Amino acid sequence: MIRKSIVMDEELWNDLKIFTEIHENSISSVIRNAVKIYLKENTKDDLAYKMRTMTPFVDDEEQKELEEVLKNLTAEHFETGEVIKL
């Protein structure tokens, strides 16, 4: 796990503190679970997010090369060729 600082309104922090005390849970776990739910709901149809999380990292030079290749693609590159009827 990594540690990061977060900033939130004092009232929200107090509400969260009360909630976690009542439910014997840590603030960190409540925040983690909330973020998981938020991401699941808000990224299910987000193609840009899926591409960034499912594809390996490339450096700037490789990214430029990929963009050049993609920029030069035409409709002909996506044609499947001969159609065979079954």
PDB file of N, CA and C in Angstrom:
ATOM      1  N   MET A   1       0.834  -1.186   0.000  1.00  0.00           N
ATOM      2  CA  MET A   1       0.000   0.000   0.000  1.00  0.00           C
ATOM      3  C   MET A   1       0.872   1.240   0.000  1.00  0.00           C
ATOM      4  N   ILE A   2       0.315   2.295  -0.534  1.00  0.00           N
ATOM      5  CA  ILE A   2       1.013   3.578  -0.515  1.00  0.00           C
ATOM      6  C   ILE A   2       0.289   4.531   0.425  1.00  0.00           C
ATOM      7  N   ARG A   3       1.022   5.508   0.881  1.00  0.00           N
ATOM      8  CA  ARG A   3       0.428   6.526   1.762  1.00  0.00           C
ATOM      9  C   ARG A   3       0.398   7.850   1.013  1.00  0.00           C
ATOM     10  N   LYS A   4      -0.743   8.504   1.068  1.00  0.00           N
ATOM     11  CA  LYS A   4      -0.920   9.808   0.443  1.00  0.00           C
ATOM     12  C   LYS A   4      -1.708  10.693   1.388  1.00  0.00           C
ATOM     13  N   SER A   5      -1.488  11.958   1.284  1.00  0.00           N
ATOM     14  CA  SER A   5      -2.282  12.914   2.062  1.00  0.00           C
ATOM     15  C   SER A   5      -3.517  13.288   1.262  1.00  0.00           C
ATOM     16  N   ILE A   6      -4.634  13.424   1.945  1.00  0.00           N
ATOM     17  CA  ILE A   6      -5.852  13.880   1.280  1.00  0.00           C
ATOM     18  C   ILE A   6      -6.393  15.074   2.044  1.00  0.00           C
ATOM     19  N   VAL A   7      -7.186  15.862   1.373  1.00  0.00           N
ATOM     20  CA  VAL A   7      -7.780  17.047   1.983  1.00  0.00           C
ATOM     21  C   VAL A   7      -9.288  16.920   1.856  1.00  0.00           C
ATOM     22  N   MET A   8     -10.000  17.183   2.955  1.00  0.00           N
ATOM     23  CA  MET A   8     -11.456  17.177   2.902  1.00  0.00           C
ATOM     24  C   MET A   8     -11.997  18.185   3.910  1.00  0.00           C
ATOM     25  N   ASP A   9     -13.245  18.540   3.717  1.00  0.00           N
ATOM     26  CA  ASP A   9     -13.897  19.476   4.629  1.00  0.00           C
ATOM     27  C   ASP A   9     -13.920  18.896   6.035  1.00  0.00           C
ATOM     28  N   GLU A  10     -13.792  19.772   7.013  1.00  0.00           N
ATOM     29  CA  GLU A  10     -13.769  19.338   8.404  1.00  0.00           C
ATOM     30  C   GLU A  10     -15.072  18.636   8.793  1.00  0.00           C
ATOM     31  N   GLU A  11     -16.194  19.149   8.308  1.00  0.00           N
ATOM     32  CA  GLU A  11     -17.489  18.544   8.628  1.00  0.00           C
ATOM     33  C   GLU A  11     -17.571  17.116   8.074  1.00  0.00           C
ATOM     34  N   LEU A  12     -17.092  16.930   6.856  1.00  0.00           N
ATOM     35  CA  LEU A  12     -17.081  15.599   6.257  1.00  0.00           C
ATOM     36  C   LEU A  12     -16.178  14.656   7.053  1.00  0.00           C
ATOM     37  N   TRP A  13     -15.012  15.149   7.457  1.00  0.00           N
ATOM     38  CA  TRP A  13     -14.090  14.354   8.265  1.00  0.00           C
ATOM     39  C   TRP A  13     -14.754  13.927   9.580  1.00  0.00           C
ATOM     40  N   ASN A  14     -15.423  14.868  10.247  1.00  0.00           N
ATOM     41  CA  ASN A  14     -16.095  14.553  11.511  1.00  0.00           C
ATOM     42  C   ASN A  14     -17.198  13.517  11.321  1.00  0.00           C
ATOM     43  N   ASP A  15     -17.974  13.651  10.245  1.00  0.00           N
ATOM     44  CA  ASP A  15     -19.026  12.668   9.958  1.00  0.00           C
ATOM     45  C   ASP A  15     -18.408  11.294   9.704  1.00  0.00           C
ATOM     46  N   LEU A  16     -17.326  11.278   8.969  1.00  0.00           N
ATOM     47  CA  LEU A  16     -16.637  10.025   8.663  1.00  0.00           C
ATOM     48  C   LEU A  16     -16.073   9.388   9.929  1.00  0.00           C
ATOM     49  N   LYS A  17     -15.526  10.207  10.794  1.00  0.00           N
ATOM     50  CA  LYS A  17     -14.963   9.718  12.055  1.00  0.00           C
ATOM     51  C   LYS A  17     -16.059   9.091  12.920  1.00  0.00           C
ATOM     52  N   ILE A  18     -17.200   9.745  13.025  1.00  0.00           N
ATOM     53  CA  ILE A  18     -18.326   9.210  13.799  1.00  0.00           C
ATOM     54  C   ILE A  18     -18.798   7.883  13.198  1.00  0.00           C
ATOM     55  N   PHE A  19     -18.941   7.857  11.881  1.00  0.00           N
ATOM     56  CA  PHE A  19     -19.399   6.639  11.204  1.00  0.00           C
ATOM     57  C   PHE A  19     -18.456   5.475  11.472  1.00  0.00           C
ATOM     58  N   THR A  20     -17.155   5.717  11.345  1.00  0.00           N
ATOM     59  CA  THR A  20     -16.191   4.623  11.527  1.00  0.00           C
ATOM     60  C   THR A  20     -16.118   4.161  12.980  1.00  0.00           C
ATOM     61  N   GLU A  21     -16.335   5.064  13.907  1.00  0.00           N
ATOM     62  CA  GLU A  21     -16.359   4.663  15.317  1.00  0.00           C
ATOM     63  C   GLU A  21     -17.560   3.777  15.607  1.00  0.00           C
ATOM     64  N   ILE A  22     -18.706   4.134  15.072  1.00  0.00           N
ATOM     65  CA  ILE A  22     -19.935   3.360  15.287  1.00  0.00           C
ATOM     66  C   ILE A  22     -19.801   1.972  14.669  1.00  0.00           C
ATOM     67  N   HIS A  23     -19.247   1.915  13.461  1.00  0.00           N
ATOM     68  CA  HIS A  23     -19.180   0.646  12.721  1.00  0.00           C
ATOM     69  C   HIS A  23     -17.848  -0.080  12.887  1.00  0.00           C
ATOM     70  N   GLU A  24     -17.023   0.405  13.807  1.00  0.00           N
ATOM     71  CA  GLU A  24     -15.730  -0.217  14.099  1.00  0.00           C
ATOM     72  C   GLU A  24     -14.954  -0.516  12.818  1.00  0.00           C
ATOM     73  N   ASN A  25     -14.770   0.524  12.055  1.00  0.00           N
ATOM     74  CA  ASN A  25     -14.058   0.429  10.796  1.00  0.00           C
ATOM     75  C   ASN A  25     -13.039   1.546  10.746  1.00  0.00           C
ATOM     76  N   SER A  26     -12.033   1.400   9.910  1.00  0.00           N
ATOM     77  CA  SER A  26     -11.051   2.472   9.787  1.00  0.00           C
ATOM     78  C   SER A  26     -11.482   3.465   8.709  1.00  0.00           C
ATOM     79  N   ILE A  27     -11.062   4.689   8.882  1.00  0.00           N
ATOM     80  CA  ILE A  27     -11.364   5.714   7.875  1.00  0.00           C
ATOM     81  C   ILE A  27     -10.744   5.323   6.535  1.00  0.00           C
ATOM     82  N   SER A  28      -9.540   4.804   6.568  1.00  0.00           N
ATOM     83  CA  SER A  28      -8.869   4.397   5.324  1.00  0.00           C
ATOM     84  C   SER A  28      -9.659   3.343   4.563  1.00  0.00           C
ATOM     85  N   SER A  29     -10.183   2.352   5.273  1.00  0.00           N
ATOM     86  CA  SER A  29     -10.929   1.296   4.579  1.00  0.00           C
ATOM     87  C   SER A  29     -12.242   1.829   4.009  1.00  0.00           C
ATOM     88  N   VAL A  30     -12.890   2.754   4.706  1.00  0.00           N
ATOM     89  CA  VAL A  30     -14.117   3.356   4.185  1.00  0.00           C
ATOM     90  C   VAL A  30     -13.805   4.136   2.903  1.00  0.00           C
ATOM     91  N   ILE A  31     -12.725   4.899   2.931  1.00  0.00           N
ATOM     92  CA  ILE A  31     -12.337   5.673   1.741  1.00  0.00           C
ATOM     93  C   ILE A  31     -11.962   4.733   0.598  1.00  0.00           C
ATOM     94  N   ARG A  32     -11.180   3.683   0.879  1.00  0.00           N
ATOM     95  CA  ARG A  32     -10.809   2.712  -0.164  1.00  0.00           C
ATOM     96  C   ARG A  32     -12.040   2.097  -0.806  1.00  0.00           C
ATOM     97  N   ASN A  33     -12.978   1.647   0.036  1.00  0.00           N
ATOM     98  CA  ASN A  33     -14.203   1.022  -0.498  1.00  0.00           C
ATOM     99  C   ASN A  33     -15.027   2.009  -1.311  1.00  0.00           C
ATOM    100  N   ALA A  34     -15.109   3.246  -0.851  1.00  0.00           N
ATOM    101  CA  ALA A  34     -15.860   4.270  -1.583  1.00  0.00           C
ATOM    102  C   ALA A  34     -15.233   4.539  -2.949  1.00  0.00           C
ATOM    103  N   VAL A  35     -13.910   4.581  -2.992  1.00  0.00           N
ATOM    104  CA  VAL A  35     -13.219   4.819  -4.264  1.00  0.00           C
ATOM    105  C   VAL A  35     -13.423   3.636  -5.207  1.00  0.00           C
ATOM    106  N   LYS A  36     -13.359   2.416  -4.691  1.00  0.00           N
ATOM    107  CA  LYS A  36     -13.593   1.231  -5.536  1.00  0.00           C
ATOM    108  C   LYS A  36     -14.976   1.288  -6.168  1.00  0.00           C
ATOM    109  N   ILE A  37     -15.983   1.595  -5.355  1.00  0.00           N
ATOM    110  CA  ILE A  37     -17.354   1.681  -5.859  1.00  0.00           C
ATOM    111  C   ILE A  37     -17.476   2.811  -6.883  1.00  0.00           C
ATOM    112  N   TYR A  38     -16.892   3.958  -6.568  1.00  0.00           N
ATOM    113  CA  TYR A  38     -16.944   5.114  -7.470  1.00  0.00           C
ATOM    114  C   TYR A  38     -16.317   4.774  -8.830  1.00  0.00           C
ATOM    115  N   LEU A  39     -15.130   4.160  -8.804  1.00  0.00           N
ATOM    116  CA  LEU A  39     -14.456   3.812 -10.055  1.00  0.00           C
ATOM    117  C   LEU A  39     -15.238   2.765 -10.839  1.00  0.00           C
ATOM    118  N   LYS A  40     -15.773   1.776 -10.148  1.00  0.00           N
ATOM    119  CA  LYS A  40     -16.545   0.737 -10.834  1.00  0.00           C
ATOM    120  C   LYS A  40     -17.741   1.347 -11.559  1.00  0.00           C
ATOM    121  N   GLU A  41     -18.439   2.247 -10.900  1.00  0.00           N
ATOM    122  CA  GLU A  41     -19.631   2.862 -11.486  1.00  0.00           C
ATOM    123  C   GLU A  41     -19.297   3.858 -12.594  1.00  0.00           C
ATOM    124  N   ASN A  42     -18.194   4.570 -12.452  1.00  0.00           N
ATOM    125  CA  ASN A  42     -17.905   5.666 -13.386  1.00  0.00           C
ATOM    126  C   ASN A  42     -16.921   5.327 -14.487  1.00  0.00           C
ATOM    127  N   THR A  43     -16.424   4.103 -14.524  1.00  0.00           N
ATOM    128  CA  THR A  43     -15.465   3.753 -15.568  1.00  0.00           C
ATOM    129  C   THR A  43     -15.918   2.591 -16.437  1.00  0.00           C
ATOM    130  N   LYS A  44     -17.109   2.044 -16.171  1.00  0.00           N
ATOM    131  CA  LYS A  44     -17.522   0.856 -16.924  1.00  0.00           C
ATOM    132  C   LYS A  44     -17.665   1.126 -18.421  1.00  0.00           C
ATOM    133  N   ASP A  45     -17.986   2.323 -18.834  1.00  0.00           N
ATOM    134  CA  ASP A  45     -18.115   2.663 -20.252  1.00  0.00           C
ATOM    135  C   ASP A  45     -17.053   3.668 -20.701  1.00  0.00           C
ATOM    136  N   ASP A  46     -16.014   3.823 -19.927  1.00  0.00           N
ATOM    137  CA  ASP A  46     -14.981   4.819 -20.220  1.00  0.00           C
ATOM    138  C   ASP A  46     -13.821   4.157 -20.963  1.00  0.00           C
ATOM    139  N   LEU A  47     -13.833   4.270 -22.287  1.00  0.00           N
ATOM    140  CA  LEU A  47     -12.832   3.611 -23.111  1.00  0.00           C
ATOM    141  C   LEU A  47     -11.420   4.132 -22.827  1.00  0.00           C
ATOM    142  N   ALA A  48     -11.269   5.427 -22.649  1.00  0.00           N
ATOM    143  CA  ALA A  48      -9.946   5.994 -22.372  1.00  0.00           C
ATOM    144  C   ALA A  48      -9.374   5.412 -21.078  1.00  0.00           C
ATOM    145  N   TYR A  49     -10.208   5.276 -20.062  1.00  0.00           N
ATOM    146  CA  TYR A  49      -9.761   4.699 -18.786  1.00  0.00           C
ATOM    147  C   TYR A  49      -9.349   3.242 -18.971  1.00  0.00           C
ATOM    148  N   LYS A  50     -10.180   2.488 -19.673  1.00  0.00           N
ATOM    149  CA  LYS A  50      -9.875   1.074 -19.897  1.00  0.00           C
ATOM    150  C   LYS A  50      -8.579   0.899 -20.669  1.00  0.00           C
ATOM    151  N   MET A  51      -8.379   1.730 -21.676  1.00  0.00           N
ATOM    152  CA  MET A  51      -7.150   1.612 -22.465  1.00  0.00           C
ATOM    153  C   MET A  51      -5.923   1.917 -21.608  1.00  0.00           C
ATOM    154  N   ARG A  52      -6.013   2.932 -20.765  1.00  0.00           N
ATOM    155  CA  ARG A  52      -4.862   3.298 -19.932  1.00  0.00           C
ATOM    156  C   ARG A  52      -4.579   2.274 -18.855  1.00  0.00           C
ATOM    157  N   THR A  53      -5.610   1.606 -18.368  1.00  0.00           N
ATOM    158  CA  THR A  53      -5.393   0.633 -17.294  1.00  0.00           C
ATOM    159  C   THR A  53      -5.112  -0.767 -17.816  1.00  0.00           C
ATOM    160  N   MET A  54      -5.439  -1.027 -19.060  1.00  0.00           N
ATOM    161  CA  MET A  54      -5.275  -2.383 -19.586  1.00  0.00           C
ATOM    162  C   MET A  54      -4.100  -2.524 -20.547  1.00  0.00           C
ATOM    163  N   THR A  55      -3.475  -1.444 -20.919  1.00  0.00           N
ATOM    164  CA  THR A  55      -2.358  -1.517 -21.850  1.00  0.00           C
ATOM    165  C   THR A  55      -1.067  -1.167 -21.127  1.00  0.00           C
ATOM    166  N   PRO A  56       0.026  -1.756 -21.554  1.00  0.00           N
ATOM    167  CA  PRO A  56       1.303  -1.477 -20.884  1.00  0.00           C
ATOM    168  C   PRO A  56       1.771  -0.041 -21.119  1.00  0.00           C
ATOM    169  N   PHE A  57       2.585   0.446 -20.209  1.00  0.00           N
ATOM    170  CA  PHE A  57       3.145   1.785 -20.307  1.00  0.00           C
ATOM    171  C   PHE A  57       4.105   1.861 -21.491  1.00  0.00           C
ATOM    172  N   VAL A  58       4.058   2.966 -22.212  1.00  0.00           N
ATOM    173  CA  VAL A  58       5.039   3.212 -23.269  1.00  0.00           C
ATOM    174  C   VAL A  58       5.691   4.559 -23.004  1.00  0.00           C
ATOM    175  N   ASP A  59       6.962   4.671 -23.368  1.00  0.00           N
ATOM    176  CA  ASP A  59       7.641   5.947 -23.161  1.00  0.00           C
ATOM    177  C   ASP A  59       7.209   6.944 -24.231  1.00  0.00           C
ATOM    178  N   ASP A  60       7.640   8.191 -24.095  1.00  0.00           N
ATOM    179  CA  ASP A  60       7.206   9.269 -24.997  1.00  0.00           C
ATOM    180  C   ASP A  60       7.564   8.982 -26.455  1.00  0.00           C
ATOM    181  N   GLU A  61       8.743   8.428 -26.680  1.00  0.00           N
ATOM    182  CA  GLU A  61       9.183   8.148 -28.053  1.00  0.00           C
ATOM    183  C   GLU A  61       8.292   7.090 -28.701  1.00  0.00           C
ATOM    184  N   GLU A  62       8.014   6.026 -27.971  1.00  0.00           N
ATOM    185  CA  GLU A  62       7.156   4.968 -28.502  1.00  0.00           C
ATOM    186  C   GLU A  62       5.734   5.473 -28.704  1.00  0.00           C
ATOM    187  N   GLN A  63       5.260   6.340 -27.798  1.00  0.00           N
ATOM    188  CA  GLN A  63       3.927   6.910 -27.938  1.00  0.00           C
ATOM    189  C   GLN A  63       3.819   7.719 -29.230  1.00  0.00           C
ATOM    190  N   LYS A  64       4.834   8.535 -29.526  1.00  0.00           N
ATOM    191  CA  LYS A  64       4.827   9.321 -30.762  1.00  0.00           C
ATOM    192  C   LYS A  64       4.798   8.408 -31.983  1.00  0.00           C
ATOM    193  N   GLU A  65       5.582   7.324 -31.934  1.00  0.00           N
ATOM    194  CA  GLU A  65       5.623   6.379 -33.042  1.00  0.00           C
ATOM    195  C   GLU A  65       4.246   5.733 -33.248  1.00  0.00           C
ATOM    196  N   LEU A  66       3.606   5.331 -32.169  1.00  0.00           N
ATOM    197  CA  LEU A  66       2.274   4.732 -32.271  1.00  0.00           C
ATOM    198  C   LEU A  66       1.259   5.721 -32.824  1.00  0.00           C
ATOM    199  N   GLU A  67       1.328   6.962 -32.381  1.00  0.00           N
ATOM    200  CA  GLU A  67       0.401   7.982 -32.872  1.00  0.00           C
ATOM    201  C   GLU A  67       0.590   8.233 -34.360  1.00  0.00           C
ATOM    202  N   GLU A  68       1.825   8.207 -34.823  1.00  0.00           N
ATOM    203  CA  GLU A  68       2.102   8.392 -36.264  1.00  0.00           C
ATOM    204  C   GLU A  68       1.495   7.252 -37.069  1.00  0.00           C
ATOM    205  N   VAL A  69       1.685   6.032 -36.604  1.00  0.00           N
ATOM    206  CA  VAL A  69       1.134   4.871 -37.306  1.00  0.00           C
ATOM    207  C   VAL A  69      -0.389   4.967 -37.346  1.00  0.00           C
ATOM    208  N   LEU A  70      -0.993   5.266 -36.215  1.00  0.00           N
ATOM    209  CA  LEU A  70      -2.448   5.358 -36.162  1.00  0.00           C
ATOM    210  C   LEU A  70      -2.989   6.501 -37.004  1.00  0.00           C
ATOM    211  N   LYS A  71      -2.260   7.603 -37.049  1.00  0.00           N
ATOM    212  CA  LYS A  71      -2.692   8.773 -37.819  1.00  0.00           C
ATOM    213  C   LYS A  71      -2.744   8.455 -39.311  1.00  0.00           C
ATOM    214  N   ASN A  72      -1.882   7.561 -39.766  1.00  0.00           N
ATOM    215  CA  ASN A  72      -1.785   7.245 -41.190  1.00  0.00           C
ATOM    216  C   ASN A  72      -2.680   6.093 -41.627  1.00  0.00           C
ATOM    217  N   LEU A  73      -3.450   5.525 -40.721  1.00  0.00           N
ATOM    218  CA  LEU A  73      -4.351   4.443 -41.095  1.00  0.00           C
ATOM    219  C   LEU A  73      -5.521   4.991 -41.898  1.00  0.00           C
ATOM    220  N   THR A  74      -5.947   4.215 -42.850  1.00  0.00           N
ATOM    221  CA  THR A  74      -7.119   4.576 -43.660  1.00  0.00           C
ATOM    222  C   THR A  74      -8.161   3.472 -43.517  1.00  0.00           C
ATOM    223  N   ALA A  75      -9.317   3.678 -44.113  1.00  0.00           N
ATOM    224  CA  ALA A  75     -10.393   2.687 -44.055  1.00  0.00           C
ATOM    225  C   ALA A  75      -9.940   1.363 -44.679  1.00  0.00           C
ATOM    226  N   GLU A  76      -9.061   1.434 -45.676  1.00  0.00           N
ATOM    227  CA  GLU A  76      -8.571   0.220 -46.337  1.00  0.00           C
ATOM    228  C   GLU A  76      -7.826  -0.695 -45.365  1.00  0.00           C
ATOM    229  N   HIS A  77      -7.171  -0.123 -44.382  1.00  0.00           N
ATOM    230  CA  HIS A  77      -6.449  -0.934 -43.407  1.00  0.00           C
ATOM    231  C   HIS A  77      -7.385  -1.796 -42.563  1.00  0.00           C
ATOM    232  N   PHE A  78      -8.654  -1.395 -42.493  1.00  0.00           N
ATOM    233  CA  PHE A  78      -9.607  -2.137 -41.671  1.00  0.00           C
ATOM    234  C   PHE A  78     -10.489  -3.075 -42.461  1.00  0.00           C
ATOM    235  N   GLU A  79     -10.289  -3.140 -43.768  1.00  0.00           N
ATOM    236  CA  GLU A  79     -11.063  -4.047 -44.588  1.00  0.00           C
ATOM    237  C   GLU A  79     -10.582  -5.472 -44.321  1.00  0.00           C
ATOM    238  N   THR A  80     -11.545  -6.393 -44.284  1.00  0.00           N
ATOM    239  CA  THR A  80     -11.204  -7.773 -43.951  1.00  0.00           C
ATOM    240  C   THR A  80     -10.830  -8.593 -45.174  1.00  0.00           C
ATOM    241  N   GLY A  81     -11.084  -8.085 -46.353  1.00  0.00           N
ATOM    242  CA  GLY A  81     -10.725  -8.832 -47.551  1.00  0.00           C
ATOM    243  C   GLY A  81     -11.942  -9.537 -48.110  1.00  0.00           C
ATOM    244  N   GLU A  82     -11.729 -10.741 -48.620  1.00  0.00           N
ATOM    245  CA  GLU A  82     -12.769 -11.509 -49.293  1.00  0.00           C
ATOM    246  C   GLU A  82     -13.841 -11.962 -48.313  1.00  0.00           C
ATOM    247  N   VAL A  83     -15.104 -11.824 -48.728  1.00  0.00           N
ATOM    248  CA  VAL A  83     -16.222 -12.264 -47.918  1.00  0.00           C
ATOM    249  C   VAL A  83     -16.585 -13.672 -48.336  1.00  0.00           C
ATOM    250  N   ILE A  84     -16.624 -14.561 -47.380  1.00  0.00           N
ATOM    251  CA  ILE A  84     -16.966 -15.966 -47.660  1.00  0.00           C
ATOM    252  C   ILE A  84     -18.307 -16.256 -47.032  1.00  0.00           C
ATOM    253  N   LYS A  85     -19.253 -16.702 -47.835  1.00  0.00           N
ATOM    254  CA  LYS A  85     -20.572 -17.045 -47.334  1.00  0.00           C
ATOM    255  C   LYS A  85     -20.597 -18.522 -46.959  1.00  0.00           C
ATOM    256  N   LEU A  86     -21.184 -18.791 -45.814  1.00  0.00           N
ATOM    257  CA  LEU A  86     -21.289 -20.178 -45.347  1.00  0.00           C
ATOM    258  C   LEU A  86     -22.638 -20.760 -45.687  1.00  0.00           C
TER     259      LEU A  86
END
